[in-house]
Amino acid sequence: MLSLLRSVLRNRALLRDFVVRDLKSRYVGSAMGFFWSVIFPVVNLFVYMFVFRLVLKARWGDPGSDPTYPGDGSPGETALVMLAGILAWAAFAETMSRGTNSLVENANLIKKVVFPSEILPPYLTISSIVNMLIGMPIVLFGVIVFSDRRPGLELLAVPLLLVLQAAFTIGLTYLLSALNAMVRDVYHIIGVATTVWMFATPIFYPAKMVRDSYQSLGGGFGSFMLPLGWILEINPMHWLIDSWQRVLVFQLWPQWDLVFRFVLATVLMLVVGGAVFRDNRKSFPDLL
């Protein structure tokens, strides 16, 4: 991973140009420009609010139901909790989807010139993070309007969460892009896996619903109840999004045990993803 990092730093000017080009090309010719970065998550918010809040009756923070939840479960607060999760997830999912196919889409550059392919996942990650930052003030504005909370020192955790999210995404994208160069089915699998992962992450429903749920296995005298809380225990995006929701919506410091878990997951992903990408980098022109 260190060799990839050194190469990215050497080519930081090219990395910056790719990020700027990508941000400009997102909404080229659009009258509203970057304002679409705010509209998309808000539209998704209304859709998911209708499905999960009004139809499925998912609630956060019912009195006495979850003593660990810092909110009151009001509709406005529920909307902000969802929006904070949607912003973080959208940035992650977009990078994972685009990054998986980044080597294939830039095959002409990788084949014909000495092109540092290792800048592709980082530039896509940075671009999506910038897009996420555009929508973040909407959450903070909503907190000021719909609650008595005010942004405080807890916002100092924002840079840490941004760095961790970017590093985890880059490591995962290194791994997926290298695998997709070898087996193109990976891109299609990731499309399905992203949807499954999103609904397995407590964005549109409280984590307590998963912790309190059980799945019946077997039948007759051999049946037993399997708790579903393990889904949260192995889901790094739950650890990250819970941290974002606590910092942005509830003006609380993140749960440091979850942050520590995410740090370990990030280091592991960087090491594994970086090693797979580095070991196969010379074969990319032939694979593509």
Protein backbone atom coordinates (compact mmCIF):
# COMPACT_ATOMS: atom_id res chain seq x y z
CA MET A 1 0.00 0.00 0.00
CA LEU A 2 2.88 2.37 0.72
CA SER A 3 4.16 2.04 -2.85
CA LEU A 4 0.71 2.96 -4.16
CA LEU A 5 0.54 5.93 -1.78
CA ARG A 6 3.93 7.20 -2.93
CA SER A 7 2.82 6.92 -6.55
CA VAL A 8 -0.41 8.81 -5.81
CA LEU A 9 1.56 11.58 -4.10
CA ARG A 10 3.97 11.82 -7.04
CA ASN A 11 1.01 12.18 -9.38
CA ARG A 12 -1.04 14.50 -7.14
CA ALA A 13 -1.28 17.15 -9.88
CA LEU A 14 -2.85 14.59 -12.22
CA LEU A 15 -5.09 13.40 -9.38
CA ARG A 16 -6.29 16.96 -8.80
CA ASP A 17 -7.00 17.45 -12.49
CA PHE A 18 -9.06 14.25 -12.59
CA VAL A 19 -11.08 15.33 -9.53
CA VAL A 20 -11.78 18.78 -10.98
CA ARG A 21 -12.73 17.32 -14.35
CA ASP A 22 -15.08 14.83 -12.74
CA LEU A 23 -16.80 17.45 -10.59
CA LYS A 24 -17.28 19.72 -13.59
CA SER A 25 -18.56 16.92 -15.83
CA ARG A 26 -21.20 15.76 -13.34
CA TYR A 27 -23.59 18.53 -14.19
CA VAL A 28 -22.14 20.07 -17.36
CA GLY A 29 -24.81 22.01 -19.19
CA SER A 30 -27.09 21.90 -16.14
CA ALA A 31 -28.76 25.15 -15.11
CA MET A 32 -28.77 24.17 -11.42
CA GLY A 33 -25.22 22.81 -11.35
CA PHE A 34 -24.02 21.47 -8.01
CA PHE A 35 -27.41 22.14 -6.43
CA TRP A 36 -28.36 18.72 -7.78
CA SER A 37 -26.02 17.31 -5.14
CA VAL A 38 -28.57 18.57 -2.60
CA ILE A 39 -31.70 17.63 -4.55
CA PHE A 40 -30.84 13.95 -5.07
CA PRO A 41 -30.45 13.00 -1.38
CA VAL A 42 -33.50 15.08 -0.42
CA VAL A 43 -35.66 13.30 -3.03
CA ASN A 44 -34.37 9.94 -1.81
CA LEU A 45 -35.17 11.06 1.72
CA PHE A 46 -38.85 11.67 0.89
CA VAL A 47 -39.11 8.30 -0.86
CA TYR A 48 -37.60 6.37 2.03
CA MET A 49 -39.52 8.43 4.60
CA PHE A 50 -42.75 7.40 2.87
CA VAL A 51 -41.80 3.72 2.77
CA PHE A 52 -40.17 3.27 6.16
CA ARG A 53 -41.81 5.95 8.30
CA LEU A 54 -45.36 6.06 6.97
CA VAL A 55 -45.86 2.56 5.54
CA LEU A 56 -43.64 0.34 7.69
CA LYS A 57 -43.94 2.56 10.80
CA ALA A 58 -40.23 2.47 11.60
CA ARG A 59 -39.55 4.76 14.56
CA TRP A 60 -36.48 6.05 16.32
CA GLY A 61 -36.35 6.73 20.01
CA ASP A 62 -39.82 5.80 21.25
CA PRO A 63 -39.99 6.74 24.94
CA GLY A 64 -38.43 3.97 27.00
CA SER A 65 -37.89 1.67 24.01
CA ASP A 66 -34.17 2.30 23.52
CA PRO A 67 -32.26 3.99 26.36
CA THR A 68 -29.13 4.23 24.19
CA TYR A 69 -30.87 6.39 21.58
CA PRO A 70 -30.20 10.11 22.20
CA GLY A 71 -33.23 11.50 20.32
CA ASP A 72 -36.98 11.77 20.70
CA GLY A 73 -38.10 10.03 17.50
CA SER A 74 -39.97 13.04 16.11
CA PRO A 75 -40.71 13.11 12.35
CA GLY A 76 -38.25 15.96 11.77
CA GLU A 77 -35.51 14.20 13.67
CA THR A 78 -36.23 10.93 11.85
CA ALA A 79 -35.86 12.73 8.53
CA LEU A 80 -32.49 14.19 9.55
CA VAL A 81 -31.19 10.82 10.81
CA MET A 82 -32.12 9.27 7.47
CA LEU A 83 -30.63 12.14 5.48
CA ALA A 84 -27.30 11.93 7.32
CA GLY A 85 -27.17 8.22 6.55
CA ILE A 86 -28.21 8.71 2.93
CA LEU A 87 -25.45 11.28 2.31
CA ALA A 88 -22.71 9.02 3.66
CA TRP A 89 -24.05 5.91 1.97
CA ALA A 90 -24.56 7.62 -1.41
CA ALA A 91 -20.94 8.79 -1.49
CA PHE A 92 -19.69 5.33 -0.57
CA ALA A 93 -21.97 3.41 -2.95
CA GLU A 94 -21.25 5.73 -5.88
CA THR A 95 -17.50 5.29 -5.50
CA MET A 96 -17.80 1.53 -5.07
CA SER A 97 -19.87 1.23 -8.25
CA ARG A 98 -17.82 3.57 -10.41
CA GLY A 99 -14.51 2.47 -8.94
CA THR A 100 -15.14 -1.21 -9.59
CA ASN A 101 -15.35 -0.51 -13.31
CA SER A 102 -12.76 2.29 -13.38
CA LEU A 103 -9.95 0.22 -14.92
CA VAL A 104 -12.21 -1.10 -17.67
CA GLU A 105 -13.58 2.36 -18.47
CA ASN A 106 -10.07 3.81 -18.69
CA ALA A 107 -8.55 0.87 -20.59
CA ASN A 108 -7.47 3.16 -23.43
CA LEU A 109 -5.26 5.16 -21.05
CA ILE A 110 -3.86 2.13 -19.28
CA LYS A 111 -3.02 0.35 -22.55
CA LYS A 112 -1.51 3.13 -24.62
CA VAL A 113 0.48 5.32 -22.24
CA VAL A 114 2.40 5.04 -18.99
CA PHE A 115 -0.62 5.93 -16.90
CA PRO A 116 -0.68 5.64 -13.08
CA SER A 117 -3.81 3.52 -12.73
CA GLU A 118 -3.56 3.74 -8.95
CA ILE A 119 -4.99 7.30 -9.01
CA LEU A 120 -8.36 6.10 -10.35
CA PRO A 121 -9.92 4.88 -7.07
CA PRO A 122 -8.65 7.90 -5.07
CA TYR A 123 -9.95 10.48 -7.54
CA LEU A 124 -13.40 8.89 -7.61
CA THR A 125 -13.44 8.75 -3.81
CA ILE A 126 -12.43 12.39 -3.42
CA SER A 127 -15.01 13.49 -5.97
CA SER A 128 -17.82 11.69 -4.15
CA ILE A 129 -16.67 13.03 -0.77
CA VAL A 130 -16.76 16.60 -2.12
CA ASN A 131 -20.26 15.91 -3.42
CA MET A 132 -21.23 14.65 0.04
CA LEU A 133 -19.85 17.79 1.71
CA ILE A 134 -22.15 19.94 -0.44
CA GLY A 135 -25.21 18.26 1.07
CA MET A 136 -23.92 18.14 4.66
CA PRO A 137 -24.91 21.76 5.56
CA ILE A 138 -28.54 20.81 4.81
CA VAL A 139 -28.42 18.34 7.72
CA LEU A 140 -26.88 20.91 10.06
CA PHE A 141 -29.43 23.54 9.01
CA GLY A 142 -32.24 21.06 9.68
CA VAL A 143 -30.85 20.34 13.15
CA ILE A 144 -30.92 24.04 13.98
CA VAL A 145 -34.47 24.45 12.66
CA PHE A 146 -36.11 21.27 14.00
CA SER A 147 -34.37 20.88 17.36
CA ASP A 148 -32.83 22.87 20.18
CA ARG A 149 -29.37 21.48 19.42
CA ARG A 150 -26.61 23.63 18.05
CA PRO A 151 -23.37 22.54 16.34
CA GLY A 152 -20.57 22.26 18.87
CA LEU A 153 -17.11 20.81 19.36
CA GLU A 154 -18.40 17.43 18.22
CA LEU A 155 -18.02 18.65 14.64
CA LEU A 156 -14.27 18.28 15.16
CA ALA A 157 -14.90 14.59 14.54
CA VAL A 158 -16.03 15.33 10.96
CA PRO A 159 -12.49 15.42 9.44
CA LEU A 160 -11.67 12.11 11.15
CA LEU A 161 -14.80 10.44 9.79
CA LEU A 162 -14.13 11.86 6.31
CA VAL A 163 -10.56 10.50 6.28
CA LEU A 164 -11.68 7.09 7.53
CA GLN A 165 -14.52 6.88 5.01
CA ALA A 166 -12.21 7.89 2.16
CA ALA A 167 -9.48 5.43 3.20
CA PHE A 168 -11.91 2.52 3.60
CA THR A 169 -13.53 3.28 0.24
CA ILE A 170 -10.18 3.56 -1.54
CA GLY A 171 -8.98 0.23 -0.13
CA LEU A 172 -12.20 -1.53 -1.09
CA THR A 173 -12.19 0.02 -4.56
CA TYR A 174 -8.59 -1.04 -5.15
CA LEU A 175 -9.65 -4.60 -4.40
CA LEU A 176 -12.83 -4.56 -6.49
CA SER A 177 -11.30 -2.81 -9.51
CA ALA A 178 -8.44 -5.32 -9.66
CA LEU A 179 -10.86 -8.26 -9.37
CA ASN A 180 -13.13 -6.76 -12.03
CA ALA A 181 -10.20 -6.45 -14.43
CA MET A 182 -9.74 -10.20 -14.10
CA VAL A 183 -13.42 -11.22 -13.94
CA ARG A 184 -15.92 -8.74 -15.39
CA ASP A 185 -18.80 -10.34 -13.49
CA VAL A 186 -17.59 -8.53 -10.37
CA TYR A 187 -19.13 -5.26 -11.59
CA HIS A 188 -22.57 -6.85 -11.93
CA ILE A 189 -22.27 -8.63 -8.59
CA ILE A 190 -21.41 -5.36 -6.87
CA GLY A 191 -24.59 -3.78 -8.22
CA VAL A 192 -26.67 -6.38 -6.38
CA ALA A 193 -24.41 -6.47 -3.33
CA THR A 194 -24.67 -2.70 -2.88
CA THR A 195 -28.45 -2.89 -2.61
CA VAL A 196 -28.28 -5.77 -0.12
CA TRP A 197 -25.62 -3.98 1.93
CA MET A 198 -27.66 -0.76 2.01
CA PHE A 199 -30.76 -2.44 3.45
CA ALA A 200 -28.60 -4.42 5.89
CA THR A 201 -27.32 -1.10 7.26
CA PRO A 202 -29.55 0.83 9.70
CA ILE A 203 -30.11 3.93 7.59
CA PHE A 204 -33.90 3.84 7.21
CA TYR A 205 -34.69 1.99 10.42
CA PRO A 206 -33.20 2.00 13.94
CA ALA A 207 -30.44 -0.45 14.76
CA LYS A 208 -32.53 -1.61 17.72
CA MET A 209 -34.94 -3.32 15.30
CA VAL A 210 -32.08 -5.59 14.19
CA ARG A 211 -30.71 -6.18 17.69
CA ASP A 212 -34.16 -7.26 18.93
CA SER A 213 -34.90 -9.52 15.94
CA TYR A 214 -34.48 -13.29 15.76
CA GLN A 215 -34.61 -15.78 12.90
CA SER A 216 -36.12 -19.20 13.50
CA LEU A 217 -33.93 -22.01 12.17
CA GLY A 218 -34.83 -25.68 11.86
CA GLY A 219 -38.21 -27.14 12.67
CA GLY A 220 -40.02 -29.16 15.28
CA PHE A 221 -37.93 -30.08 18.32
CA GLY A 222 -34.75 -29.09 16.52
CA SER A 223 -35.65 -25.44 15.94
CA PHE A 224 -33.86 -22.56 17.65
CA MET A 225 -33.85 -18.77 17.44
CA LEU A 226 -30.80 -17.06 15.93
CA PRO A 227 -30.32 -13.43 16.99
CA LEU A 228 -29.77 -11.07 14.03
CA GLY A 229 -27.60 -8.59 15.91
CA TRP A 230 -24.52 -10.22 14.37
CA ILE A 231 -25.37 -8.39 11.14
CA LEU A 232 -24.47 -5.12 12.85
CA GLU A 233 -21.36 -6.59 14.45
CA ILE A 234 -19.80 -7.42 11.06
CA ASN A 235 -21.03 -4.38 9.11
CA PRO A 236 -18.38 -1.61 8.89
CA MET A 237 -20.82 0.79 7.23
CA HIS A 238 -23.09 0.57 10.28
CA TRP A 239 -20.19 1.67 12.45
CA LEU A 240 -19.46 4.61 10.12
CA ILE A 241 -23.03 5.77 9.51
CA ASP A 242 -23.93 5.53 13.20
CA SER A 243 -20.99 7.85 13.85
CA TRP A 244 -22.15 10.31 11.19
CA GLN A 245 -25.68 10.36 12.59
CA ARG A 246 -24.50 10.99 16.14
CA VAL A 247 -22.14 13.81 15.12
CA LEU A 248 -24.35 15.61 12.57
CA VAL A 249 -27.84 15.12 13.99
CA PHE A 250 -27.44 14.66 17.73
CA GLN A 251 -24.32 16.81 18.19
CA LEU A 252 -22.64 14.00 20.14
CA TRP A 253 -19.22 12.46 19.88
CA PRO A 254 -19.26 9.16 17.99
CA GLN A 255 -19.14 5.91 19.91
CA TRP A 256 -15.41 5.40 20.05
CA ASP A 257 -15.63 1.62 20.16
CA LEU A 258 -17.37 1.71 16.76
CA VAL A 259 -14.79 4.17 15.44
CA PHE A 260 -11.99 1.86 16.62
CA ARG A 261 -13.62 -1.08 14.85
CA PHE A 262 -13.89 0.97 11.68
CA VAL A 263 -10.22 1.98 11.93
CA LEU A 264 -9.26 -1.71 12.06
CA ALA A 265 -11.54 -2.49 9.10
CA THR A 266 -10.00 0.43 7.17
CA VAL A 267 -6.43 -0.71 7.80
CA LEU A 268 -7.33 -4.26 6.78
CA MET A 269 -9.05 -3.07 3.61
CA LEU A 270 -6.13 -0.82 2.65
CA VAL A 271 -3.61 -3.62 3.17
CA VAL A 272 -5.60 -6.28 1.31
CA GLY A 273 -6.93 -4.03 -1.44
CA GLY A 274 -3.59 -2.33 -1.96
CA ALA A 275 -1.72 -5.67 -2.13
CA VAL A 276 -4.14 -7.16 -4.69
CA PHE A 277 -4.02 -4.03 -6.84
CA ARG A 278 -0.22 -3.71 -6.64
CA ASP A 279 0.43 -7.37 -7.45
CA ASN A 280 -1.77 -7.27 -10.54
CA ARG A 281 -0.99 -3.73 -11.75
CA LYS A 282 1.53 -4.82 -14.41
CA SER A 283 -0.97 -7.27 -15.90
CA PHE A 284 -3.79 -4.70 -16.27
CA PRO A 285 -2.91 -3.76 -19.90
CA ASP A 286 -3.13 -7.42 -20.94
CA LEU A 287 -6.29 -8.09 -18.93
CA LEU A 288 -8.06 -5.07 -20.38
